[in-house]
Amino acid sequence: MTAPRLERRNYGRNHGYKIDGEKVPGVTTALNAINKPALKVWAARVVAAKAVNEWDQLAELPVAARLKALEGAPFETLKKAALRGNEIHRLGEKVAHGLEVDVPDEHRGPVEAYARWLDDWQIEPIATETPLGSLQHGYGGTADLWARVGARGGALALLDVKTGSNVYGETALQLAAYRYADVIQPEKGVEIPTPEVERVYVAHVLPD
């Protein structure tokens, strides 16, 4: 067996990818280059909401600290959302493999919704959280779920789980990059050609 050419390395809550020992961009990082007008509108709303909802607290701060708090509001919100999404993904992965999980109250809604979706769509997981990469184009990524979908005639599918309030157009580009990668790693140290899927889906998991 040849040594894997793709490597995913975790750095605390972050991670990166290498192909043949060289750093390569991750798909979601590369997609940050796309102009996202909806993100700008969202950021403005987050700053405005913080200014209105925390008016008294902000007024007690020096002007420079007040400005820093407002400027950092979108990043703090994104950080909290990312941590929440990561935890739901972690629990959802265990549910996908039929394991019992102890779900905190704040995540119970989306995790239960995810479990119902697995049952309703008759999802038969093949691999979850698989590092992948394009040896030709030089990028890495991690796919949420490869599975057979009983509700769609047992079609082999690539599925991405989203836990935010919306699903945006660049998700199609993200999934195309995953679908047309050259290799995936279904388990550590094992590298195989990317499966040729029949369908690609987004599972938008909400609290209800």
C-alpha atoms as a PDB file:
ATOM      1  CA  MET A   1       0.000   0.000   0.000  1.00  0.00           C
ATOM      2  CA  THR A   2       1.400   3.386  -0.967  1.00  0.00           C
ATOM      3  CA  ALA A   3       1.659   6.101   1.646  1.00  0.00           C
ATOM      4  CA  PRO A   4      -1.189   8.662   1.604  1.00  0.00           C
ATOM      5  CA  ARG A   5      -0.367  11.760  -0.430  1.00  0.00           C
ATOM      6  CA  LEU A   6      -2.956  13.845   1.385  1.00  0.00           C
ATOM      7  CA  GLU A   7      -2.539  14.925   5.004  1.00  0.00           C
ATOM      8  CA  ARG A   8      -4.924  16.790   7.278  1.00  0.00           C
ATOM      9  CA  ARG A   9      -3.405  18.322  10.397  1.00  0.00           C
ATOM     10  CA  ASN A  10      -5.420  19.673  13.310  1.00  0.00           C
ATOM     11  CA  TYR A  11      -4.263  22.749  15.212  1.00  0.00           C
ATOM     12  CA  GLY A  12      -6.605  23.089  18.184  1.00  0.00           C
ATOM     13  CA  ARG A  13      -9.945  24.092  16.682  1.00  0.00           C
ATOM     14  CA  ASN A  14      -8.349  24.806  13.288  1.00  0.00           C
ATOM     15  CA  HIS A  15      -6.857  22.514  10.675  1.00  0.00           C
ATOM     16  CA  GLY A  16      -4.850  22.558   7.450  1.00  0.00           C
ATOM     17  CA  TYR A  17      -3.973  20.322   4.530  1.00  0.00           C
ATOM     18  CA  LYS A  18      -0.837  19.110   2.784  1.00  0.00           C
ATOM     19  CA  ILE A  19      -0.396  17.195  -0.467  1.00  0.00           C
ATOM     20  CA  ASP A  20       2.951  15.466  -0.920  1.00  0.00           C
ATOM     21  CA  GLY A  21       4.244  17.509   2.013  1.00  0.00           C
ATOM     22  CA  GLU A  22       3.238  20.892   0.553  1.00  0.00           C
ATOM     23  CA  LYS A  23       0.596  23.096   2.167  1.00  0.00           C
ATOM     24  CA  VAL A  24      -2.555  23.530   0.069  1.00  0.00           C
ATOM     25  CA  PRO A  25      -5.643  25.679   0.692  1.00  0.00           C
ATOM     26  CA  GLY A  26      -8.821  24.206   2.077  1.00  0.00           C
ATOM     27  CA  VAL A  27     -11.962  24.520  -0.022  1.00  0.00           C
ATOM     28  CA  THR A  28     -13.861  26.713   2.447  1.00  0.00           C
ATOM     29  CA  THR A  29     -10.842  29.014   2.820  1.00  0.00           C
ATOM     30  CA  ALA A  30     -10.517  29.338  -0.965  1.00  0.00           C
ATOM     31  CA  LEU A  31     -14.207  30.255  -1.228  1.00  0.00           C
ATOM     32  CA  ASN A  32     -13.608  33.271   1.023  1.00  0.00           C
ATOM     33  CA  ALA A  33     -12.264  34.983  -2.095  1.00  0.00           C
ATOM     34  CA  ILE A  34     -15.824  35.161  -3.462  1.00  0.00           C
ATOM     35  CA  ASN A  35     -17.665  38.434  -2.995  1.00  0.00           C
ATOM     36  CA  LYS A  36     -20.453  37.756  -0.483  1.00  0.00           C
ATOM     37  CA  PRO A  37     -22.811  40.742  -0.253  1.00  0.00           C
ATOM     38  CA  ALA A  38     -25.136  38.885   2.116  1.00  0.00           C
ATOM     39  CA  LEU A  39     -22.247  38.509   4.568  1.00  0.00           C
ATOM     40  CA  LYS A  40     -21.665  42.271   4.591  1.00  0.00           C
ATOM     41  CA  VAL A  41     -25.340  42.927   5.327  1.00  0.00           C
ATOM     42  CA  TRP A  42     -25.267  40.320   8.112  1.00  0.00           C
ATOM     43  CA  ALA A  43     -22.152  41.872   9.678  1.00  0.00           C
ATOM     44  CA  ALA A  44     -23.754  45.326   9.676  1.00  0.00           C
ATOM     45  CA  ARG A  45     -26.834  43.922  11.403  1.00  0.00           C
ATOM     46  CA  VAL A  46     -24.727  42.177  14.064  1.00  0.00           C
ATOM     47  CA  VAL A  47     -22.864  45.409  14.855  1.00  0.00           C
ATOM     48  CA  ALA A  48     -26.116  47.401  14.958  1.00  0.00           C
ATOM     49  CA  ALA A  49     -27.745  44.814  17.239  1.00  0.00           C
ATOM     50  CA  LYS A  50     -24.794  44.898  19.646  1.00  0.00           C
ATOM     51  CA  ALA A  51     -24.865  48.700  19.727  1.00  0.00           C
ATOM     52  CA  VAL A  52     -28.600  48.765  20.519  1.00  0.00           C
ATOM     53  CA  ASN A  53     -28.774  45.792  22.897  1.00  0.00           C
ATOM     54  CA  GLU A  54     -25.613  46.672  24.859  1.00  0.00           C
ATOM     55  CA  TRP A  55     -25.880  50.452  24.722  1.00  0.00           C
ATOM     56  CA  ASP A  56     -25.428  51.034  28.466  1.00  0.00           C
ATOM     57  CA  GLN A  57     -22.441  48.668  28.796  1.00  0.00           C
ATOM     58  CA  LEU A  58     -20.723  50.140  25.757  1.00  0.00           C
ATOM     59  CA  ALA A  59     -21.279  53.680  27.001  1.00  0.00           C
ATOM     60  CA  GLU A  60     -19.177  52.900  30.095  1.00  0.00           C
ATOM     61  CA  LEU A  61     -16.155  51.945  27.963  1.00  0.00           C
ATOM     62  CA  PRO A  62     -13.486  54.317  26.643  1.00  0.00           C
ATOM     63  CA  VAL A  63     -14.133  55.292  23.024  1.00  0.00           C
ATOM     64  CA  ALA A  64     -11.321  53.086  21.650  1.00  0.00           C
ATOM     65  CA  ALA A  65     -12.552  50.038  23.593  1.00  0.00           C
ATOM     66  CA  ARG A  66     -16.124  50.750  22.480  1.00  0.00           C
ATOM     67  CA  LEU A  67     -15.017  50.784  18.843  1.00  0.00           C
ATOM     68  CA  LYS A  68     -13.022  47.568  19.279  1.00  0.00           C
ATOM     69  CA  ALA A  69     -16.033  45.816  20.819  1.00  0.00           C
ATOM     70  CA  LEU A  70     -18.285  46.824  17.921  1.00  0.00           C
ATOM     71  CA  GLU A  71     -15.697  45.905  15.272  1.00  0.00           C
ATOM     72  CA  GLY A  72     -15.244  42.488  16.859  1.00  0.00           C
ATOM     73  CA  ALA A  73     -18.957  41.681  17.131  1.00  0.00           C
ATOM     74  CA  PRO A  74     -19.227  39.788  13.793  1.00  0.00           C
ATOM     75  CA  PHE A  75     -16.106  37.725  14.517  1.00  0.00           C
ATOM     76  CA  GLU A  76     -17.313  36.832  18.018  1.00  0.00           C
ATOM     77  CA  THR A  77     -20.684  35.767  16.596  1.00  0.00           C
ATOM     78  CA  LEU A  78     -18.999  33.675  13.902  1.00  0.00           C
ATOM     79  CA  LYS A  79     -16.767  32.030  16.504  1.00  0.00           C
ATOM     80  CA  LYS A  80     -19.753  31.052  18.660  1.00  0.00           C
ATOM     81  CA  ALA A  81     -21.631  29.760  15.606  1.00  0.00           C
ATOM     82  CA  ALA A  82     -18.613  27.728  14.501  1.00  0.00           C
ATOM     83  CA  LEU A  83     -18.231  26.133  17.934  1.00  0.00           C
ATOM     84  CA  ARG A  84     -21.942  25.293  17.991  1.00  0.00           C
ATOM     85  CA  GLY A  85     -21.788  23.889  14.454  1.00  0.00           C
ATOM     86  CA  ASN A  86     -18.730  21.770  15.262  1.00  0.00           C
ATOM     87  CA  GLU A  87     -20.443  20.277  18.301  1.00  0.00           C
ATOM     88  CA  ILE A  88     -23.617  19.476  16.343  1.00  0.00           C
ATOM     89  CA  HIS A  89     -21.469  17.896  13.612  1.00  0.00           C
ATOM     90  CA  ARG A  90     -19.629  15.801  16.205  1.00  0.00           C
ATOM     91  CA  LEU A  91     -22.844  14.563  17.780  1.00  0.00           C
ATOM     92  CA  GLY A  92     -24.484  14.079  14.388  1.00  0.00           C
ATOM     93  CA  GLU A  93     -21.576  11.930  13.225  1.00  0.00           C
ATOM     94  CA  LYS A  94     -22.107   9.599  16.186  1.00  0.00           C
ATOM     95  CA  VAL A  95     -25.840   9.474  15.510  1.00  0.00           C
ATOM     96  CA  ALA A  96     -25.122   8.619  11.855  1.00  0.00           C
ATOM     97  CA  HIS A  97     -23.149   5.585  13.016  1.00  0.00           C
ATOM     98  CA  GLY A  98     -25.926   4.441  15.332  1.00  0.00           C
ATOM     99  CA  LEU A  99     -24.155   5.376  18.562  1.00  0.00           C
ATOM    100  CA  GLU A 100     -25.942   6.633  21.654  1.00  0.00           C
ATOM    101  CA  VAL A 101     -25.042  10.208  22.548  1.00  0.00           C
ATOM    102  CA  ASP A 102     -25.588  12.440  25.550  1.00  0.00           C
ATOM    103  CA  VAL A 103     -26.884  15.643  23.968  1.00  0.00           C
ATOM    104  CA  PRO A 104     -26.684  18.964  25.870  1.00  0.00           C
ATOM    105  CA  ASP A 105     -30.014  20.796  26.041  1.00  0.00           C
ATOM    106  CA  GLU A 106     -28.799  23.644  23.823  1.00  0.00           C
ATOM    107  CA  HIS A 107     -28.078  21.184  20.978  1.00  0.00           C
ATOM    108  CA  ARG A 108     -30.980  18.803  21.490  1.00  0.00           C
ATOM    109  CA  GLY A 109     -33.241  20.357  18.824  1.00  0.00           C
ATOM    110  CA  PRO A 110     -30.872  20.136  15.837  1.00  0.00           C
ATOM    111  CA  VAL A 111     -29.420  16.758  16.854  1.00  0.00           C
ATOM    112  CA  GLU A 112     -32.900  15.242  17.176  1.00  0.00           C
ATOM    113  CA  ALA A 113     -33.844  16.809  13.825  1.00  0.00           C
ATOM    114  CA  TYR A 114     -30.719  15.261  12.296  1.00  0.00           C
ATOM    115  CA  ALA A 115     -31.671  11.846  13.675  1.00  0.00           C
ATOM    116  CA  ARG A 116     -35.213  12.161  12.263  1.00  0.00           C
ATOM    117  CA  TRP A 117     -33.775  13.094   8.868  1.00  0.00           C
ATOM    118  CA  LEU A 118     -31.512  10.030   8.900  1.00  0.00           C
ATOM    119  CA  ASP A 119     -34.587   7.855   9.519  1.00  0.00           C
ATOM    120  CA  ASP A 120     -36.931   9.615   7.091  1.00  0.00           C
ATOM    121  CA  TRP A 121     -34.430   9.542   4.219  1.00  0.00           C
ATOM    122  CA  GLN A 122     -33.221   6.038   5.121  1.00  0.00           C
ATOM    123  CA  ILE A 123     -29.585   7.157   5.214  1.00  0.00           C
ATOM    124  CA  GLU A 124     -27.018   4.340   5.280  1.00  0.00           C
ATOM    125  CA  PRO A 125     -23.665   6.002   6.111  1.00  0.00           C
ATOM    126  CA  ILE A 126     -20.565   4.800   4.287  1.00  0.00           C
ATOM    127  CA  ALA A 127     -18.051   7.292   5.667  1.00  0.00           C
ATOM    128  CA  THR A 128     -18.203  10.501   7.708  1.00  0.00           C
ATOM    129  CA  GLU A 129     -15.831  13.457   8.180  1.00  0.00           C
ATOM    130  CA  THR A 130     -13.468  12.253   5.439  1.00  0.00           C
ATOM    131  CA  PRO A 131     -10.438  14.345   4.479  1.00  0.00           C
ATOM    132  CA  LEU A 132     -10.160  14.671   0.702  1.00  0.00           C
ATOM    133  CA  GLY A 133      -7.999  16.421  -1.846  1.00  0.00           C
ATOM    134  CA  SER A 134      -7.396  17.262  -5.461  1.00  0.00           C
ATOM    135  CA  LEU A 135      -3.923  16.138  -6.458  1.00  0.00           C
ATOM    136  CA  GLN A 136      -4.421  17.841  -9.805  1.00  0.00           C
ATOM    137  CA  HIS A 137      -5.627  21.244  -8.590  1.00  0.00           C
ATOM    138  CA  GLY A 138      -3.978  21.338  -5.162  1.00  0.00           C
ATOM    139  CA  TYR A 139      -6.680  21.770  -2.552  1.00  0.00           C
ATOM    140  CA  GLY A 140      -7.982  19.902   0.487  1.00  0.00           C
ATOM    141  CA  GLY A 141     -11.245  19.610   2.352  1.00  0.00           C
ATOM    142  CA  THR A 142     -13.332  17.445   4.637  1.00  0.00           C
ATOM    143  CA  ALA A 143     -16.647  15.937   3.502  1.00  0.00           C
ATOM    144  CA  ASP A 144     -19.401  15.464   6.073  1.00  0.00           C
ATOM    145  CA  LEU A 145     -21.090  12.316   4.808  1.00  0.00           C
ATOM    146  CA  TRP A 146     -20.993   9.697   2.025  1.00  0.00           C
ATOM    147  CA  ALA A 147     -24.064   7.487   2.143  1.00  0.00           C
ATOM    148  CA  ARG A 148     -26.675   5.396   0.386  1.00  0.00           C
ATOM    149  CA  VAL A 149     -30.046   7.183   0.388  1.00  0.00           C
ATOM    150  CA  GLY A 150     -32.854   4.657   0.646  1.00  0.00           C
ATOM    151  CA  ALA A 151     -35.518   7.296  -0.003  1.00  0.00           C
ATOM    152  CA  ARG A 152     -33.879   7.943  -3.386  1.00  0.00           C
ATOM    153  CA  GLY A 153     -33.613   4.364  -4.556  1.00  0.00           C
ATOM    154  CA  GLY A 154     -30.402   3.659  -2.683  1.00  0.00           C
ATOM    155  CA  ALA A 155     -28.497   6.309  -4.645  1.00  0.00           C
ATOM    156  CA  LEU A 156     -24.890   6.888  -3.604  1.00  0.00           C
ATOM    157  CA  ALA A 157     -24.701  10.479  -2.404  1.00  0.00           C
ATOM    158  CA  LEU A 158     -22.363  13.099  -1.006  1.00  0.00           C
ATOM    159  CA  LEU A 159     -24.075  15.123   1.719  1.00  0.00           C
ATOM    160  CA  ASP A 160     -23.054  18.283   3.537  1.00  0.00           C
ATOM    161  CA  VAL A 161     -24.618  19.226   6.864  1.00  0.00           C
ATOM    162  CA  LYS A 162     -25.305  22.918   7.495  1.00  0.00           C
ATOM    163  CA  THR A 163     -26.412  24.206  10.900  1.00  0.00           C
ATOM    164  CA  GLY A 164     -26.543  27.965  10.229  1.00  0.00           C
ATOM    165  CA  SER A 165     -29.656  30.032   9.571  1.00  0.00           C
ATOM    166  CA  ASN A 166     -29.218  29.904   5.784  1.00  0.00           C
ATOM    167  CA  VAL A 167     -27.575  27.952   2.972  1.00  0.00           C
ATOM    168  CA  TYR A 168     -25.747  30.119   0.442  1.00  0.00           C
ATOM    169  CA  GLY A 169     -24.924  29.705  -3.238  1.00  0.00           C
ATOM    170  CA  GLU A 170     -21.220  29.037  -2.717  1.00  0.00           C
ATOM    171  CA  THR A 171     -22.200  25.758  -1.053  1.00  0.00           C
ATOM    172  CA  ALA A 172     -22.682  24.403  -4.585  1.00  0.00           C
ATOM    173  CA  LEU A 173     -19.039  25.251  -5.354  1.00  0.00           C
ATOM    174  CA  GLN A 174     -17.897  23.687  -2.077  1.00  0.00           C
ATOM    175  CA  LEU A 175     -19.674  20.426  -2.854  1.00  0.00           C
ATOM    176  CA  ALA A 176     -18.466  20.408  -6.459  1.00  0.00           C
ATOM    177  CA  ALA A 177     -14.893  20.672  -5.170  1.00  0.00           C
ATOM    178  CA  TYR A 178     -15.512  17.749  -2.819  1.00  0.00           C
ATOM    179  CA  ARG A 179     -17.250  15.667  -5.471  1.00  0.00           C
ATOM    180  CA  TYR A 180     -14.467  16.082  -8.020  1.00  0.00           C
ATOM    181  CA  ALA A 181     -11.527  15.638  -5.649  1.00  0.00           C
ATOM    182  CA  ASP A 182      -9.138  12.844  -6.599  1.00  0.00           C
ATOM    183  CA  VAL A 183      -8.847  11.014  -3.276  1.00  0.00           C
ATOM    184  CA  ILE A 184     -10.577  10.664   0.078  1.00  0.00           C
ATOM    185  CA  GLN A 185      -9.446   9.133   3.366  1.00  0.00           C
ATOM    186  CA  PRO A 186     -12.310   7.067   4.838  1.00  0.00           C
ATOM    187  CA  GLU A 187     -10.044   6.185   7.758  1.00  0.00           C
ATOM    188  CA  LYS A 188      -6.661   7.368   8.975  1.00  0.00           C
ATOM    189  CA  GLY A 189      -3.818   6.176   6.758  1.00  0.00           C
ATOM    190  CA  VAL A 190      -6.151   4.840   4.038  1.00  0.00           C
ATOM    191  CA  GLU A 191      -6.473   6.724   0.754  1.00  0.00           C
ATOM    192  CA  ILE A 192      -8.896   5.706  -1.997  1.00  0.00           C
ATOM    193  CA  PRO A 193     -10.258   7.305  -5.181  1.00  0.00           C
ATOM    194  CA  THR A 194     -13.213   9.606  -4.573  1.00  0.00           C
ATOM    195  CA  PRO A 195     -16.487   7.667  -5.018  1.00  0.00           C
ATOM    196  CA  GLU A 196     -18.516   8.533  -8.116  1.00  0.00           C
ATOM    197  CA  VAL A 197     -21.740   9.734  -6.520  1.00  0.00           C
ATOM    198  CA  GLU A 198     -25.129   9.897  -8.198  1.00  0.00           C
ATOM    199  CA  ARG A 199     -26.452  12.772  -6.109  1.00  0.00           C
ATOM    200  CA  VAL A 200     -25.231  15.658  -3.979  1.00  0.00           C
ATOM    201  CA  TYR A 201     -27.330  17.114  -1.135  1.00  0.00           C
ATOM    202  CA  VAL A 202     -27.252  19.701   1.608  1.00  0.00           C
ATOM    203  CA  ALA A 203     -28.922  18.722   4.875  1.00  0.00           C
ATOM    204  CA  HIS A 204     -29.964  22.022   6.464  1.00  0.00           C
ATOM    205  CA  VAL A 205     -30.380  21.071  10.116  1.00  0.00           C
ATOM    206  CA  LEU A 206     -32.385  23.585  12.144  1.00  0.00           C
ATOM    207  CA  PRO A 207     -33.496  23.544  15.808  1.00  0.00           C
ATOM    208  CA  ASP A 208     -37.059  22.586  14.796  1.00  0.00           C
END
